[in-house]
Amino acid sequence: MRRARILRELRHAMDERGYLEVETPLRVRSPGTDVNLEAFSSEDRYLITSPEFHMKRLVSAGLLRIYQITHCFRRGETTDLHNPEFTMLEFYAAGLSLKDMMEEIEEIIGAVSAAIHVDEVQYGGVICNLQPPWQRLSVDAAFRQYAGWSPLEAFDEDRFYFDLVDKVDRHLGRGKPTILLDYPAPLAMLAQLHPGDPRIAKRFEVYVAGIEIANAFEELTDSEEQRRRFEGDLERRRQQGKPLYPIDEIFLTALGEMPPCSGIAVGVDRLVMLLLGADRVGEVMAFPESII
């Protein structure tokens, strides 16, 4: 019942801000090329790791403020904070800059927490108040402070992810949520690069009590650049002996028609876990992987 209330409040917050709820397919031709995500196959299709491609096609077709709450699937992810099947809130707004999206997610999460009378959450002994304003911190500043090096000056992907988990994460989202922004360009994924500094991607993540709950981009709209990134991902997957997923050609065609916009994906199970004071995402799911 409490999870259902949170989902109702999420929908209410999105509806109040003029977003249209949409549905997109769960079975797709391409689950994306992200080197760090593995998809489940479903006959001649794949289960989605994110609804991103089809939602962007809807934005390209003229639906300028959309959201959905949907199930996503990622193979090999079962921990206290992961389940192979999980719930995601994803939304896009044409005309919104990344700065605007920071304010938008602050207000939405703040509104939901206020509606259920849980402004303050705690995880692993760390207390975090969800009401705005939130902290802004650049990736470079966070790594200089907590890991002792600059990923902008000398990027090393393996070292970056190791130190993010081992040294940086636990310091984020203490007292207030942290918006970790200005990601290194090699981690842009589907985000634009900063026009004034090509070392920086227009991307941020939200951390609450040391837990990442959201990932946002000011969306790349250059289909040729996006193709180059997909092909680079596939080459890295090939070198690592991972499955090679097809490039979504329909998405790339639509991308060239997409207006400037920002989008964000929110891990609903992690948010519910924090709001309800649980220790594991499986505790806030009716059927986690362990009991299916």
Protein backbone atom coordinates (compact mmCIF):
# COMPACT_ATOMS: atom_id res chain seq x y z
CA MET A 1 0.00 0.00 0.00
CA ARG A 2 2.79 2.44 0.84
CA ARG A 3 4.60 1.72 -2.43
CA ALA A 4 1.34 2.26 -4.33
CA ARG A 5 0.90 5.62 -2.59
CA ILE A 6 4.38 6.73 -3.65
CA LEU A 7 3.69 5.73 -7.27
CA ARG A 8 0.41 7.69 -7.19
CA GLU A 9 2.25 10.74 -5.88
CA LEU A 10 4.91 10.41 -8.58
CA ARG A 11 2.24 10.35 -11.26
CA HIS A 12 0.45 13.28 -9.63
CA ALA A 13 3.66 15.32 -9.58
CA MET A 14 4.30 14.60 -13.26
CA ASP A 15 0.71 15.33 -14.26
CA GLU A 16 0.74 18.62 -12.31
CA ARG A 17 3.77 19.73 -14.34
CA GLY A 18 2.10 19.07 -17.66
CA TYR A 19 3.77 15.80 -18.60
CA LEU A 20 1.81 13.27 -20.64
CA GLU A 21 2.03 9.65 -19.50
CA VAL A 22 3.01 7.33 -22.37
CA GLU A 23 3.73 3.64 -22.93
CA THR A 24 6.49 2.20 -25.10
CA PRO A 25 7.44 -1.39 -25.97
CA LEU A 26 9.14 -3.76 -23.55
CA ARG A 27 10.46 -5.94 -26.40
CA VAL A 28 12.70 -4.06 -28.83
CA ARG A 29 15.11 -4.65 -31.70
CA SER A 30 17.99 -2.93 -29.90
CA PRO A 31 18.55 -2.62 -26.14
CA GLY A 32 21.35 -0.10 -26.69
CA THR A 33 25.10 -0.52 -26.86
CA ASP A 34 26.18 0.52 -23.34
CA VAL A 35 29.32 -1.44 -22.46
CA ASN A 36 28.21 -1.81 -18.85
CA LEU A 37 24.67 -3.12 -19.44
CA GLU A 38 23.63 -6.62 -20.52
CA ALA A 39 20.20 -7.34 -21.97
CA PHE A 40 17.88 -10.33 -21.82
CA SER A 41 16.97 -11.78 -25.21
CA SER A 42 13.32 -12.48 -26.06
CA GLU A 43 13.12 -14.60 -29.21
CA ASP A 44 14.21 -12.22 -32.00
CA ARG A 45 14.04 -9.15 -29.75
CA TYR A 46 15.47 -7.91 -26.44
CA LEU A 47 13.80 -6.76 -23.24
CA ILE A 48 14.43 -3.07 -22.66
CA THR A 49 17.24 -1.90 -20.38
CA SER A 50 15.61 1.55 -20.60
CA PRO A 51 12.67 3.05 -22.54
CA GLU A 52 14.94 5.84 -23.77
CA PHE A 53 15.06 5.21 -27.52
CA HIS A 54 11.30 4.93 -28.02
CA MET A 55 10.53 7.86 -25.72
CA LYS A 56 12.90 10.05 -27.72
CA ARG A 57 11.14 8.94 -30.89
CA LEU A 58 7.92 10.24 -29.35
CA VAL A 59 9.58 13.58 -28.54
CA SER A 60 10.82 13.73 -32.14
CA ALA A 61 7.24 13.11 -33.30
CA GLY A 62 5.96 16.12 -31.35
CA LEU A 63 5.15 14.93 -27.81
CA LEU A 64 7.26 17.50 -26.01
CA ARG A 65 6.71 16.66 -22.30
CA ILE A 66 6.31 12.95 -21.60
CA TYR A 67 6.90 10.42 -18.84
CA GLN A 68 6.35 6.80 -18.04
CA ILE A 69 6.77 4.43 -15.12
CA THR A 70 7.79 1.10 -16.57
CA HIS A 71 9.65 -2.14 -15.90
CA CYS A 72 13.19 -2.49 -17.26
CA PHE A 73 15.46 -5.53 -17.40
CA ARG A 74 19.22 -5.85 -16.96
CA ARG A 75 20.98 -9.17 -16.88
CA GLY A 76 23.42 -10.01 -14.09
CA GLU A 77 22.32 -7.31 -11.66
CA THR A 78 21.27 -8.74 -8.27
CA THR A 79 22.48 -6.90 -5.16
CA ASP A 80 20.92 -5.02 -2.26
CA LEU A 81 20.43 -2.11 -4.70
CA HIS A 82 19.79 -4.04 -7.93
CA ASN A 83 17.18 -6.46 -9.26
CA PRO A 84 17.25 -7.85 -12.82
CA GLU A 85 13.68 -6.59 -13.30
CA PHE A 86 13.09 -3.15 -11.84
CA THR A 87 10.87 -0.07 -12.12
CA MET A 88 12.00 3.16 -13.71
CA LEU A 89 10.46 6.62 -13.98
CA GLU A 90 11.75 8.28 -17.12
CA PHE A 91 10.73 11.66 -18.49
CA TYR A 92 11.70 14.17 -21.19
CA ALA A 93 10.96 17.85 -21.65
CA ALA A 94 11.67 19.78 -24.84
CA GLY A 95 13.21 23.18 -24.20
CA LEU A 96 14.52 22.25 -20.76
CA SER A 97 18.24 22.78 -20.17
CA LEU A 98 20.20 20.53 -17.84
CA LYS A 99 20.05 23.27 -15.19
CA ASP A 100 16.25 23.35 -15.59
CA MET A 101 16.15 19.56 -15.19
CA MET A 102 18.08 19.82 -11.92
CA GLU A 103 15.39 22.12 -10.56
CA GLU A 104 12.62 19.91 -11.99
CA ILE A 105 13.81 16.73 -10.28
CA GLU A 106 14.38 18.62 -7.02
CA GLU A 107 10.77 19.81 -7.06
CA ILE A 108 9.28 16.44 -8.08
CA ILE A 109 11.10 14.39 -5.43
CA GLY A 110 10.49 17.13 -2.88
CA ALA A 111 6.77 17.14 -3.69
CA VAL A 112 6.47 13.35 -3.39
CA SER A 113 8.32 13.21 -0.09
CA ALA A 114 6.23 16.06 1.33
CA ALA A 115 2.99 14.38 0.20
CA ILE A 116 3.78 11.22 2.16
CA HIS A 117 5.22 13.22 5.11
CA VAL A 118 8.73 11.77 4.81
CA ASP A 119 11.06 14.70 4.15
CA GLU A 120 14.07 13.01 5.73
CA VAL A 121 15.47 9.57 4.87
CA GLN A 122 18.31 7.52 6.29
CA TYR A 123 20.47 4.76 4.80
CA GLY A 124 23.54 3.16 6.32
CA GLY A 125 23.51 5.71 9.12
CA VAL A 126 23.52 8.65 6.65
CA ILE A 127 20.66 11.15 6.99
CA CYS A 128 19.40 13.13 3.99
CA ASN A 129 16.60 15.71 3.75
CA LEU A 130 14.92 15.56 0.34
CA GLN A 131 13.47 19.06 0.28
CA PRO A 132 15.10 21.63 -2.05
CA PRO A 133 17.59 23.15 -2.47
CA TRP A 134 20.02 20.31 -3.16
CA GLN A 135 23.81 20.37 -3.31
CA ARG A 136 25.56 20.78 -6.67
CA LEU A 137 29.03 19.22 -7.01
CA SER A 138 31.12 18.64 -10.12
CA VAL A 139 32.62 15.22 -10.79
CA ASP A 140 36.06 16.79 -10.96
CA ALA A 141 35.69 18.49 -7.57
CA ALA A 142 34.33 15.30 -5.98
CA PHE A 143 37.20 13.17 -7.29
CA ARG A 144 39.84 15.72 -6.34
CA GLN A 145 38.44 15.86 -2.81
CA TYR A 146 37.68 12.20 -2.15
CA ALA A 147 39.87 10.23 -4.58
CA GLY A 148 42.87 12.53 -4.97
CA TRP A 149 42.91 12.86 -8.77
CA SER A 150 41.19 14.66 -11.65
CA PRO A 151 39.26 12.55 -14.18
CA LEU A 152 39.16 15.58 -16.51
CA GLU A 153 42.94 15.90 -16.66
CA ALA A 154 43.72 12.19 -17.06
CA PHE A 155 40.63 10.05 -17.66
CA ASP A 156 40.90 6.35 -16.82
CA GLU A 157 37.54 4.56 -17.03
CA ASP A 158 38.45 1.54 -14.91
CA ARG A 159 39.98 3.75 -12.22
CA PHE A 160 37.02 6.13 -12.42
CA TYR A 161 34.40 3.49 -11.69
CA PHE A 162 36.51 1.78 -9.04
CA ASP A 163 37.08 5.04 -7.16
CA LEU A 164 33.49 6.19 -7.65
CA VAL A 165 32.28 3.10 -5.79
CA ASP A 166 35.16 2.72 -3.37
CA LYS A 167 35.95 6.34 -2.45
CA VAL A 168 33.42 8.88 -3.73
CA ASP A 169 29.85 7.52 -3.54
CA ARG A 170 29.65 7.30 0.22
CA HIS A 171 30.36 11.03 0.63
CA LEU A 172 27.49 12.11 -1.62
CA GLY A 173 23.94 12.91 -0.53
CA ARG A 174 24.77 13.60 3.11
CA GLY A 175 22.39 16.07 4.71
CA LYS A 176 20.95 16.98 1.31
CA PRO A 177 20.87 15.11 -2.01
CA THR A 178 23.90 15.74 -4.21
CA ILE A 179 23.57 16.54 -7.90
CA LEU A 180 26.87 15.23 -9.31
CA LEU A 181 27.37 17.13 -12.57
CA ASP A 182 29.85 17.77 -15.39
CA TYR A 183 30.75 14.17 -16.17
CA PRO A 184 33.89 13.50 -18.24
CA ALA A 185 33.18 13.48 -21.97
CA PRO A 186 34.01 9.74 -22.42
CA LEU A 187 30.99 9.05 -20.17
CA ALA A 188 28.60 11.27 -22.16
CA MET A 189 26.66 8.27 -23.49
CA LEU A 190 23.64 9.98 -25.11
CA ALA A 191 24.36 13.47 -23.76
CA GLN A 192 25.69 16.61 -25.43
CA LEU A 193 29.18 17.88 -24.73
CA HIS A 194 29.64 21.30 -23.16
CA PRO A 195 30.27 23.83 -25.97
CA GLY A 196 32.75 25.76 -23.82
CA ASP A 197 34.68 22.71 -22.63
CA PRO A 198 34.57 19.53 -24.75
CA ARG A 199 36.07 17.57 -21.84
CA ILE A 200 32.68 17.83 -20.08
CA ALA A 201 29.35 16.11 -20.84
CA LYS A 202 25.99 17.70 -20.07
CA ARG A 203 25.06 14.92 -17.67
CA PHE A 204 24.30 14.64 -13.96
CA GLU A 205 23.37 11.99 -11.42
CA VAL A 206 21.45 12.37 -8.16
CA TYR A 207 22.76 10.80 -4.95
CA VAL A 208 20.78 10.35 -1.73
CA ALA A 209 22.59 9.03 1.36
CA GLY A 210 25.36 7.61 -0.82
CA ILE A 211 22.96 5.92 -3.30
CA GLU A 212 22.59 6.96 -6.94
CA ILE A 213 18.88 7.31 -7.73
CA ALA A 214 18.76 9.24 -11.03
CA ASN A 215 20.74 9.88 -14.22
CA ALA A 216 20.06 12.86 -16.53
CA PHE A 217 21.27 14.17 -19.89
CA GLU A 218 20.86 17.28 -21.95
CA GLU A 219 20.15 15.10 -24.94
CA LEU A 220 22.39 14.70 -27.94
CA THR A 221 20.44 15.44 -31.14
CA ASP A 222 23.26 14.86 -33.65
CA SER A 223 22.51 11.46 -35.18
CA GLU A 224 25.94 11.10 -36.83
CA GLU A 225 27.76 11.78 -33.56
CA GLN A 226 25.44 9.33 -31.81
CA ARG A 227 26.23 6.69 -34.43
CA ARG A 228 29.96 7.19 -33.84
CA ARG A 229 29.42 6.69 -30.11
CA PHE A 230 27.36 3.54 -30.68
CA GLU A 231 30.04 2.14 -32.98
CA GLY A 232 32.70 2.95 -30.38
CA ASP A 233 30.67 1.11 -27.73
CA LEU A 234 30.32 -1.92 -29.99
CA GLU A 235 34.05 -2.03 -30.62
CA ARG A 236 34.70 -1.99 -26.88
CA ARG A 237 32.12 -4.73 -26.38
CA ARG A 238 33.83 -6.76 -29.11
CA GLN A 239 37.23 -6.33 -27.43
CA GLN A 240 35.74 -7.48 -24.10
CA GLY A 241 34.04 -10.52 -25.65
CA LYS A 242 30.54 -9.25 -24.85
CA PRO A 243 27.41 -9.72 -26.99
CA LEU A 244 27.06 -7.21 -29.84
CA TYR A 245 23.63 -5.59 -29.92
CA PRO A 246 22.25 -4.05 -33.12
CA ILE A 247 22.25 -0.28 -33.60
CA ASP A 248 18.72 1.13 -33.62
CA GLU A 249 18.58 2.75 -37.05
CA ILE A 250 15.00 4.01 -36.60
CA PHE A 251 16.06 5.81 -33.43
CA LEU A 252 19.03 7.42 -35.17
CA THR A 253 16.79 8.66 -37.98
CA ALA A 254 14.35 10.16 -35.47
CA LEU A 255 17.14 11.72 -33.41
CA GLY A 256 17.87 14.23 -36.15
CA GLU A 257 14.31 15.56 -35.77
CA MET A 258 14.36 15.82 -31.98
CA PRO A 259 14.20 19.35 -30.55
CA PRO A 260 16.60 20.46 -27.80
CA CYS A 261 15.53 18.72 -24.60
CA SER A 262 16.64 17.12 -21.38
CA GLY A 263 15.68 13.74 -19.96
CA ILE A 264 16.12 11.84 -16.73
CA ALA A 265 15.73 8.27 -15.47
CA VAL A 266 14.84 7.69 -11.80
CA GLY A 267 15.24 4.33 -10.06
CA VAL A 268 11.79 3.96 -8.51
CA ASP A 269 12.64 0.94 -6.35
CA ARG A 270 15.62 2.72 -4.80
CA LEU A 271 13.51 5.82 -4.16
CA VAL A 272 10.75 3.75 -2.54
CA MET A 273 13.35 1.87 -0.48
CA LEU A 274 14.72 5.13 0.88
CA LEU A 275 11.31 6.66 1.55
CA LEU A 276 10.14 3.57 3.42
CA GLY A 277 13.34 3.07 5.40
CA ALA A 278 14.17 -0.35 3.91
CA ASP A 279 17.69 -1.76 3.55
CA ARG A 280 17.32 -3.53 0.18
CA VAL A 281 15.26 -2.91 -2.95
CA GLY A 282 13.90 -6.45 -2.67
CA GLU A 283 12.09 -5.42 0.51
CA VAL A 284 9.89 -2.96 -1.41
CA MET A 285 9.06 -5.37 -4.27
CA ALA A 286 6.25 -7.92 -4.09
CA PHE A 287 8.34 -10.44 -6.06
CA PRO A 288 12.10 -9.78 -6.05
CA GLU A 289 14.37 -12.13 -7.97
CA SER A 290 15.00 -14.25 -4.87
CA ILE A 291 11.38 -15.49 -4.61
CA ILE A 292 10.19 -15.65 -8.22
